[in-house]
Protein backbone atom coordinates (compact mmCIF):
# COMPACT_ATOMS: atom_id res chain seq x y z
CA MET A 1 -45.62 -156.38 34.82
CA THR A 2 -42.52 -154.18 34.68
CA MET A 3 -39.24 -155.70 35.83
CA ILE A 4 -36.22 -153.63 36.83
CA THR A 5 -32.82 -155.22 37.45
CA VAL A 6 -30.33 -153.46 39.71
CA ILE A 7 -26.71 -154.62 39.57
CA GLY A 8 -24.01 -153.73 42.07
CA GLU A 9 -22.22 -154.67 45.23
CA SER A 10 -23.98 -156.06 48.28
CA LEU A 11 -23.17 -154.12 51.43
CA VAL A 12 -24.11 -154.38 55.08
CA ASP A 13 -24.33 -151.36 57.37
CA THR A 14 -23.16 -152.21 60.90
CA ILE A 15 -24.50 -150.08 63.76
CA ARG A 16 -22.61 -150.31 67.03
CA ASP A 17 -23.45 -148.67 70.32
CA PRO A 18 -20.22 -147.02 71.60
CA GLN A 19 -21.22 -147.74 75.19
CA MET A 20 -22.21 -151.35 74.39
CA ALA A 21 -25.68 -150.87 75.91
CA ALA A 22 -27.26 -152.54 72.87
CA PRO A 23 -26.04 -155.40 70.69
CA THR A 24 -24.48 -154.69 67.30
CA GLN A 25 -27.10 -154.41 64.55
CA THR A 26 -26.62 -155.13 60.85
CA HIS A 27 -28.84 -153.80 58.05
CA PRO A 28 -28.69 -154.39 54.30
CA GLY A 29 -27.57 -151.25 52.51
CA GLY A 30 -25.57 -149.70 49.72
CA SER A 31 -26.37 -147.69 46.61
CA PRO A 32 -27.88 -150.56 44.54
CA LEU A 33 -30.36 -151.34 47.32
CA ASN A 34 -31.32 -147.67 47.58
CA VAL A 35 -31.98 -147.53 43.82
CA ALA A 36 -34.10 -150.71 43.93
CA VAL A 37 -36.16 -149.42 46.87
CA GLY A 38 -36.64 -146.04 45.17
CA CYS A 39 -37.86 -147.70 41.95
CA ALA A 40 -40.23 -149.94 43.91
CA ARG A 41 -41.70 -146.95 45.76
CA ARG A 42 -42.25 -144.97 42.55
CA GLY A 43 -44.20 -147.80 40.99
CA PRO A 44 -44.20 -149.21 37.47
CA THR A 45 -45.96 -146.22 35.86
CA ARG A 46 -42.87 -143.99 35.89
CA PRO A 47 -39.49 -144.68 34.30
CA PRO A 48 -36.70 -144.98 36.89
CA LEU A 49 -34.41 -142.65 34.90
CA PRO A 50 -35.04 -139.89 32.38
CA ASN A 51 -34.43 -140.76 28.73
CA TRP A 52 -31.18 -139.13 27.68
CA VAL A 53 -28.39 -139.78 25.22
CA PRO A 54 -24.77 -139.00 26.13
């Protein structure tokens, strides 16, 4: 099994209806979560990043 660790800040996206017709909604978000979800969708057969040397 391949394990990928993503490190970064934990953010919450807050969605508010300007007319207050619906209650405020919160969703997990942020760049580290997006990277983790993208890696999970690609599957373990592909590397998450290309191999490069600075």
